[in-house]
Amino acid sequence: DVDLQDPPEVIADMLDLAREERLDVVHG
C-alpha cells in the first residue's frame, strides 16, 4: 500500500528470503 505503514525497506529481506529458501510466497 502507498500509505507507508508497511515499510518499503522490508522488500529486500523478502527477496533474500524467497531466493535463499526458494519460496513462492513471503508474507509481511
PDB file of all heavy atoms in Angstrom:
ATOM      1  N   ASP A   1       0.841  -1.191   0.000  1.00  0.00           N
ATOM      2  CA  ASP A   1       0.000   0.000   0.000  1.00  0.00           C
ATOM      3  C   ASP A   1       0.879   1.245   0.000  1.00  0.00           C
ATOM      4  O   ASP A   1       2.046   1.214   0.418  1.00  0.00           O
ATOM      5  CB  ASP A   1      -0.924   0.002   1.222  1.00  0.00           C
ATOM      6  CG  ASP A   1      -1.997  -1.058   1.112  1.00  0.00           C
ATOM      7  OD1 ASP A   1      -2.322  -1.464  -0.024  1.00  0.00           O
ATOM      8  OD2 ASP A   1      -2.516  -1.497   2.165  1.00  0.00           O
ATOM      9  N   VAL A   2       0.292   2.348  -0.432  1.00  0.00           N
ATOM     10  CA  VAL A   2       1.070   3.563  -0.644  1.00  0.00           C
ATOM     11  C   VAL A   2       1.178   4.406   0.625  1.00  0.00           C
ATOM     12  O   VAL A   2       1.922   5.394   0.651  1.00  0.00           O
ATOM     13  CB  VAL A   2       0.419   4.376  -1.790  1.00  0.00           C
ATOM     14  CG1 VAL A   2      -0.858   5.064  -1.309  1.00  0.00           C
ATOM     15  CG2 VAL A   2       1.386   5.388  -2.380  1.00  0.00           C
ATOM     16  N   ASP A   3       0.496   4.047   1.700  1.00  0.00           N
ATOM     17  CA  ASP A   3       0.434   4.908   2.880  1.00  0.00           C
ATOM     18  C   ASP A   3       1.677   4.856   3.756  1.00  0.00           C
ATOM     19  O   ASP A   3       1.762   5.550   4.770  1.00  0.00           O
ATOM     20  CB  ASP A   3      -0.792   4.562   3.728  1.00  0.00           C
ATOM     21  CG  ASP A   3      -0.837   3.089   4.108  1.00  0.00           C
ATOM     22  OD1 ASP A   3       0.199   2.413   3.997  1.00  0.00           O
ATOM     23  OD2 ASP A   3      -1.918   2.620   4.519  1.00  0.00           O
ATOM     24  N   LEU A   4       2.661   3.994   3.416  1.00  0.00           N
ATOM     25  CA  LEU A   4       3.925   3.848   4.139  1.00  0.00           C
ATOM     26  C   LEU A   4       3.766   3.267   5.537  1.00  0.00           C
ATOM     27  O   LEU A   4       4.696   3.348   6.347  1.00  0.00           O
ATOM     28  CB  LEU A   4       4.668   5.189   4.217  1.00  0.00           C
ATOM     29  CG  LEU A   4       5.239   5.711   2.894  1.00  0.00           C
ATOM     30  CD1 LEU A   4       5.872   7.075   3.079  1.00  0.00           C
ATOM     31  CD2 LEU A   4       6.263   4.727   2.334  1.00  0.00           C
ATOM     32  N   GLN A   5       2.621   2.686   5.838  1.00  0.00           N
ATOM     33  CA  GLN A   5       2.510   1.946   7.097  1.00  0.00           C
ATOM     34  C   GLN A   5       3.276   0.629   7.013  1.00  0.00           C
ATOM     35  O   GLN A   5       3.709   0.091   8.033  1.00  0.00           O
ATOM     36  CB  GLN A   5       1.040   1.689   7.425  1.00  0.00           C
ATOM     37  CG  GLN A   5       0.293   2.932   7.864  1.00  0.00           C
ATOM     38  CD  GLN A   5      -1.092   2.616   8.419  1.00  0.00           C
ATOM     39  OE1 GLN A   5      -2.028   2.346   7.674  1.00  0.00           O
ATOM     40  NE2 GLN A   5      -1.202   2.661   9.721  1.00  0.00           N
ATOM     41  N   ASP A   6       3.424   0.115   5.789  1.00  0.00           N
ATOM     42  CA  ASP A   6       4.272  -1.050   5.551  1.00  0.00           C
ATOM     43  C   ASP A   6       5.602  -0.537   5.000  1.00  0.00           C
ATOM     44  O   ASP A   6       5.649  -0.002   3.885  1.00  0.00           O
ATOM     45  CB  ASP A   6       3.614  -2.003   4.539  1.00  0.00           C
ATOM     46  CG  ASP A   6       2.238  -2.453   5.000  1.00  0.00           C
ATOM     47  OD1 ASP A   6       2.036  -2.596   6.219  1.00  0.00           O
ATOM     48  OD2 ASP A   6       1.360  -2.659   4.138  1.00  0.00           O
ATOM     49  N   PRO A   7       6.701  -0.666   5.742  1.00  0.00           N
ATOM     50  CA  PRO A   7       7.971  -0.045   5.330  1.00  0.00           C
ATOM     51  C   PRO A   7       8.560  -0.696   4.081  1.00  0.00           C
ATOM     52  O   PRO A   7       8.761  -1.915   4.044  1.00  0.00           O
ATOM     53  CB  PRO A   7       8.879  -0.278   6.547  1.00  0.00           C
ATOM     54  CG  PRO A   7       8.277  -1.428   7.276  1.00  0.00           C
ATOM     55  CD  PRO A   7       6.798  -1.354   7.035  1.00  0.00           C
ATOM     56  N   PRO A   8       8.868   0.075   3.049  1.00  0.00           N
ATOM     57  CA  PRO A   8       9.463  -0.493   1.823  1.00  0.00           C
ATOM     58  C   PRO A   8      10.814  -1.160   2.058  1.00  0.00           C
ATOM     59  O   PRO A   8      11.222  -2.021   1.280  1.00  0.00           O
ATOM     60  CB  PRO A   8       9.597   0.736   0.905  1.00  0.00           C
ATOM     61  CG  PRO A   8       8.629   1.735   1.431  1.00  0.00           C
ATOM     62  CD  PRO A   8       8.576   1.516   2.902  1.00  0.00           C
ATOM     63  N   GLU A   9      11.518  -0.776   3.118  1.00  0.00           N
ATOM     64  CA  GLU A   9      12.835  -1.347   3.387  1.00  0.00           C
ATOM     65  C   GLU A   9      12.785  -2.860   3.615  1.00  0.00           C
ATOM     66  O   GLU A   9      13.807  -3.547   3.478  1.00  0.00           O
ATOM     67  CB  GLU A   9      13.467  -0.661   4.600  1.00  0.00           C
ATOM     68  CG  GLU A   9      13.838   0.787   4.382  1.00  0.00           C
ATOM     69  CD  GLU A   9      12.655   1.746   4.415  1.00  0.00           C
ATOM     70  OE1 GLU A   9      11.551   1.318   4.833  1.00  0.00           O
ATOM     71  OE2 GLU A   9      12.827   2.912   4.024  1.00  0.00           O
ATOM     72  N   VAL A  10      11.605  -3.381   3.957  1.00  0.00           N
ATOM     73  CA  VAL A  10      11.455  -4.817   4.217  1.00  0.00           C
ATOM     74  C   VAL A  10      11.500  -5.624   2.916  1.00  0.00           C
ATOM     75  O   VAL A  10      11.727  -6.833   2.932  1.00  0.00           O
ATOM     76  CB  VAL A  10      10.134  -5.075   4.982  1.00  0.00           C
ATOM     77  CG1 VAL A  10       9.915  -6.557   5.265  1.00  0.00           C
ATOM     78  CG2 VAL A  10      10.132  -4.302   6.300  1.00  0.00           C
ATOM     79  N   ILE A  11      11.304  -4.968   1.778  1.00  0.00           N
ATOM     80  CA  ILE A  11      11.259  -5.679   0.492  1.00  0.00           C
ATOM     81  C   ILE A  11      12.553  -6.442   0.236  1.00  0.00           C
ATOM     82  O   ILE A  11      12.533  -7.572  -0.272  1.00  0.00           O
ATOM     83  CB  ILE A  11      10.971  -4.681  -0.645  1.00  0.00           C
ATOM     84  CG1 ILE A  11       9.572  -4.085  -0.484  1.00  0.00           C
ATOM     85  CG2 ILE A  11      11.106  -5.353  -2.007  1.00  0.00           C
ATOM     86  CD1 ILE A  11       9.271  -2.945  -1.424  1.00  0.00           C
ATOM     87  N   ALA A  12      13.691  -5.857   0.588  1.00  0.00           N
ATOM     88  CA  ALA A  12      14.973  -6.535   0.377  1.00  0.00           C
ATOM     89  C   ALA A  12      15.040  -7.837   1.169  1.00  0.00           C
ATOM     90  O   ALA A  12      15.524  -8.861   0.667  1.00  0.00           O
ATOM     91  CB  ALA A  12      16.120  -5.607   0.777  1.00  0.00           C
ATOM     92  N   ASP A  13      14.540  -7.811   2.400  1.00  0.00           N
ATOM     93  CA  ASP A  13      14.525  -9.037   3.218  1.00  0.00           C
ATOM     94  C   ASP A  13      13.605 -10.083   2.605  1.00  0.00           C
ATOM     95  O   ASP A  13      13.910 -11.285   2.633  1.00  0.00           O
ATOM     96  CB  ASP A  13      14.067  -8.712   4.640  1.00  0.00           C
ATOM     97  CG  ASP A  13      15.014  -7.747   5.347  1.00  0.00           C
ATOM     98  OD1 ASP A  13      16.212  -7.775   5.016  1.00  0.00           O
ATOM     99  OD2 ASP A  13      14.548  -6.977   6.203  1.00  0.00           O
ATOM    100  N   MET A  14      12.472  -9.649   2.064  1.00  0.00           N
ATOM    101  CA  MET A  14      11.546 -10.586   1.421  1.00  0.00           C
ATOM    102  C   MET A  14      12.209 -11.270   0.227  1.00  0.00           C
ATOM    103  O   MET A  14      12.113 -12.498   0.064  1.00  0.00           O
ATOM    104  CB  MET A  14      10.287  -9.840   0.955  1.00  0.00           C
ATOM    105  CG  MET A  14       9.369  -9.375   2.057  1.00  0.00           C
ATOM    106  SD  MET A  14       7.941  -8.496   1.359  1.00  0.00           S
ATOM    107  CE  MET A  14       6.811  -8.537   2.740  1.00  0.00           C
ATOM    108  N   LEU A  15      12.879 -10.478  -0.605  1.00  0.00           N
ATOM    109  CA  LEU A  15      13.506 -11.030  -1.801  1.00  0.00           C
ATOM    110  C   LEU A  15      14.632 -11.990  -1.431  1.00  0.00           C
ATOM    111  O   LEU A  15      14.774 -13.066  -2.034  1.00  0.00           O
ATOM    112  CB  LEU A  15      14.025  -9.899  -2.680  1.00  0.00           C
ATOM    113  CG  LEU A  15      14.636 -10.301  -4.022  1.00  0.00           C
ATOM    114  CD1 LEU A  15      13.625 -11.058  -4.878  1.00  0.00           C
ATOM    115  CD2 LEU A  15      15.143  -9.070  -4.773  1.00  0.00           C
ATOM    116  N   ASP A  16      15.430 -11.625  -0.431  1.00  0.00           N
ATOM    117  CA  ASP A  16      16.522 -12.505   0.001  1.00  0.00           C
ATOM    118  C   ASP A  16      15.982 -13.833   0.521  1.00  0.00           C
ATOM    119  O   ASP A  16      16.519 -14.903   0.193  1.00  0.00           O
ATOM    120  CB  ASP A  16      17.355 -11.814   1.088  1.00  0.00           C
ATOM    121  CG  ASP A  16      18.167 -10.646   0.537  1.00  0.00           C
ATOM    122  OD1 ASP A  16      18.369 -10.611  -0.693  1.00  0.00           O
ATOM    123  OD2 ASP A  16      18.572  -9.779   1.338  1.00  0.00           O
ATOM    124  N   LEU A  17      14.927 -13.769   1.337  1.00  0.00           N
ATOM    125  CA  LEU A  17      14.351 -14.996   1.895  1.00  0.00           C
ATOM    126  C   LEU A  17      13.778 -15.877   0.793  1.00  0.00           C
ATOM    127  O   LEU A  17      13.942 -17.112   0.812  1.00  0.00           O
ATOM    128  CB  LEU A  17      13.264 -14.642   2.913  1.00  0.00           C
ATOM    129  CG  LEU A  17      12.603 -15.816   3.628  1.00  0.00           C
ATOM    130  CD1 LEU A  17      13.614 -16.587   4.456  1.00  0.00           C
ATOM    131  CD2 LEU A  17      11.448 -15.328   4.521  1.00  0.00           C
ATOM    132  N   ALA A  18      13.081 -15.269  -0.176  1.00  0.00           N
ATOM    133  CA  ALA A  18      12.495 -16.046  -1.271  1.00  0.00           C
ATOM    134  C   ALA A  18      13.578 -16.740  -2.097  1.00  0.00           C
ATOM    135  O   ALA A  18      13.409 -17.897  -2.515  1.00  0.00           O
ATOM    136  CB  ALA A  18      11.648 -15.141  -2.158  1.00  0.00           C
ATOM    137  N   ARG A  19      14.695 -16.059  -2.332  1.00  0.00           N
ATOM    138  CA  ARG A  19      15.770 -16.659  -3.122  1.00  0.00           C
ATOM    139  C   ARG A  19      16.509 -17.740  -2.347  1.00  0.00           C
ATOM    140  O   ARG A  19      16.802 -18.813  -2.885  1.00  0.00           O
ATOM    141  CB  ARG A  19      16.749 -15.562  -3.548  1.00  0.00           C
ATOM    142  CG  ARG A  19      16.214 -14.671  -4.656  1.00  0.00           C
ATOM    143  CD  ARG A  19      17.156 -13.496  -4.865  1.00  0.00           C
ATOM    144  NE  ARG A  19      16.928 -12.830  -6.143  1.00  0.00           N
ATOM    145  CZ  ARG A  19      17.558 -11.736  -6.530  1.00  0.00           C
ATOM    146  NH1 ARG A  19      18.460 -11.182  -5.723  1.00  0.00           N
ATOM    147  NH2 ARG A  19      17.308 -11.178  -7.698  1.00  0.00           N
ATOM    148  N   GLU A  20      16.817 -17.467  -1.084  1.00  0.00           N
ATOM    149  CA  GLU A  20      17.608 -18.410  -0.295  1.00  0.00           C
ATOM    150  C   GLU A  20      16.859 -19.722  -0.051  1.00  0.00           C
ATOM    151  O   GLU A  20      17.438 -20.806  -0.113  1.00  0.00           O
ATOM    152  CB  GLU A  20      17.995 -17.772   1.037  1.00  0.00           C
ATOM    153  CG  GLU A  20      19.004 -16.643   0.911  1.00  0.00           C
ATOM    154  CD  GLU A  20      19.200 -15.907   2.218  1.00  0.00           C
ATOM    155  OE1 GLU A  20      18.605 -16.349   3.234  1.00  0.00           O
ATOM    156  OE2 GLU A  20      19.939 -14.899   2.233  1.00  0.00           O
ATOM    157  N   GLU A  21      15.546 -19.617   0.266  1.00  0.00           N
ATOM    158  CA  GLU A  21      14.776 -20.805   0.604  1.00  0.00           C
ATOM    159  C   GLU A  21      13.856 -21.261  -0.527  1.00  0.00           C
ATOM    160  O   GLU A  21      13.032 -22.150  -0.326  1.00  0.00           O
ATOM    161  CB  GLU A  21      13.968 -20.544   1.878  1.00  0.00           C
ATOM    162  CG  GLU A  21      14.834 -20.177   3.075  1.00  0.00           C
ATOM    163  CD  GLU A  21      14.042 -20.123   4.371  1.00  0.00           C
ATOM    164  OE1 GLU A  21      12.890 -20.612   4.377  1.00  0.00           O
ATOM    165  OE2 GLU A  21      14.577 -19.599   5.369  1.00  0.00           O
ATOM    166  N   ARG A  22      13.983 -20.615  -1.678  1.00  0.00           N
ATOM    167  CA  ARG A  22      13.198 -20.982  -2.873  1.00  0.00           C
ATOM    168  C   ARG A  22      11.704 -21.000  -2.556  1.00  0.00           C
ATOM    169  O   ARG A  22      10.997 -21.965  -2.799  1.00  0.00           O
ATOM    170  CB  ARG A  22      13.657 -22.330  -3.414  1.00  0.00           C
ATOM    171  CG  ARG A  22      15.148 -22.381  -3.741  1.00  0.00           C
ATOM    172  CD  ARG A  22      15.573 -23.704  -4.323  1.00  0.00           C
ATOM    173  NE  ARG A  22      14.981 -23.923  -5.640  1.00  0.00           N
ATOM    174  CZ  ARG A  22      15.199 -25.012  -6.378  1.00  0.00           C
ATOM    175  NH1 ARG A  22      15.984 -25.974  -5.904  1.00  0.00           N
ATOM    176  NH2 ARG A  22      14.631 -25.137  -7.563  1.00  0.00           N
ATOM    177  N   LEU A  23      11.231 -19.876  -2.034  1.00  0.00           N
ATOM    178  CA  LEU A  23       9.832 -19.735  -1.644  1.00  0.00           C
ATOM    179  C   LEU A  23       9.043 -19.042  -2.746  1.00  0.00           C
ATOM    180  O   LEU A  23       9.570 -18.205  -3.477  1.00  0.00           O
ATOM    181  CB  LEU A  23       9.726 -18.932  -0.340  1.00  0.00           C
ATOM    182  CG  LEU A  23      10.471 -19.489   0.872  1.00  0.00           C
ATOM    183  CD1 LEU A  23      10.342 -18.525   2.051  1.00  0.00           C
ATOM    184  CD2 LEU A  23       9.943 -20.873   1.241  1.00  0.00           C
ATOM    185  N   ASP A  24       7.766 -19.392  -2.829  1.00  0.00           N
ATOM    186  CA  ASP A  24       6.870 -18.741  -3.789  1.00  0.00           C
ATOM    187  C   ASP A  24       6.107 -17.582  -3.164  1.00  0.00           C
ATOM    188  O   ASP A  24       5.589 -16.725  -3.886  1.00  0.00           O
ATOM    189  CB  ASP A  24       5.872 -19.752  -4.360  1.00  0.00           C
ATOM    190  CG  ASP A  24       6.525 -20.724  -5.324  1.00  0.00           C
ATOM    191  OD1 ASP A  24       7.170 -20.257  -6.275  1.00  0.00           O
ATOM    192  OD2 ASP A  24       6.405 -21.944  -5.114  1.00  0.00           O
ATOM    193  N   VAL A  25       6.003 -17.580  -1.839  1.00  0.00           N
ATOM    194  CA  VAL A  25       5.251 -16.537  -1.136  1.00  0.00           C
ATOM    195  C   VAL A  25       6.034 -16.130   0.108  1.00  0.00           C
ATOM    196  O   VAL A  25       6.508 -16.987   0.859  1.00  0.00           O
ATOM    197  CB  VAL A  25       3.848 -17.018  -0.709  1.00  0.00           C
ATOM    198  CG1 VAL A  25       3.087 -15.893  -0.006  1.00  0.00           C
ATOM    199  CG2 VAL A  25       3.061 -17.525  -1.908  1.00  0.00           C
ATOM    200  N   VAL A  26       6.166 -14.834   0.315  1.00  0.00           N
ATOM    201  CA  VAL A  26       6.738 -14.309   1.557  1.00  0.00           C
ATOM    202  C   VAL A  26       5.779 -13.253   2.089  1.00  0.00           C
ATOM    203  O   VAL A  26       5.562 -12.217   1.448  1.00  0.00           O
ATOM    204  CB  VAL A  26       8.137 -13.693   1.343  1.00  0.00           C
ATOM    205  CG1 VAL A  26       8.654 -13.123   2.667  1.00  0.00           C
ATOM    206  CG2 VAL A  26       9.102 -14.733   0.799  1.00  0.00           C
ATOM    207  N   HIS A  27       5.187 -13.535   3.244  1.00  0.00           N
ATOM    208  CA  HIS A  27       4.227 -12.615   3.857  1.00  0.00           C
ATOM    209  C   HIS A  27       4.953 -11.609   4.739  1.00  0.00           C
ATOM    210  O   HIS A  27       5.862 -11.972   5.497  1.00  0.00           O
ATOM    211  CB  HIS A  27       3.218 -13.378   4.723  1.00  0.00           C
ATOM    212  CG  HIS A  27       2.408 -14.383   3.978  1.00  0.00           C
ATOM    213  ND1 HIS A  27       1.302 -14.020   3.240  1.00  0.00           N
ATOM    214  CD2 HIS A  27       2.523 -15.730   3.872  1.00  0.00           C
ATOM    215  CE1 HIS A  27       0.778 -15.116   2.705  1.00  0.00           C
ATOM    216  NE2 HIS A  27       1.499 -16.157   3.072  1.00  0.00           N
ATOM    217  N   GLY A  28       4.529 -10.364   4.666  1.00  0.00           N
ATOM    218  CA  GLY A  28       4.950  -9.384   5.647  1.00  0.00           C
ATOM    219  C   GLY A  28       4.009  -9.452   6.831  1.00  0.00           C
ATOM    220  O   GLY A  28       2.803  -9.246   6.687  1.00  0.00           O
TER     221      GLY A  28
END
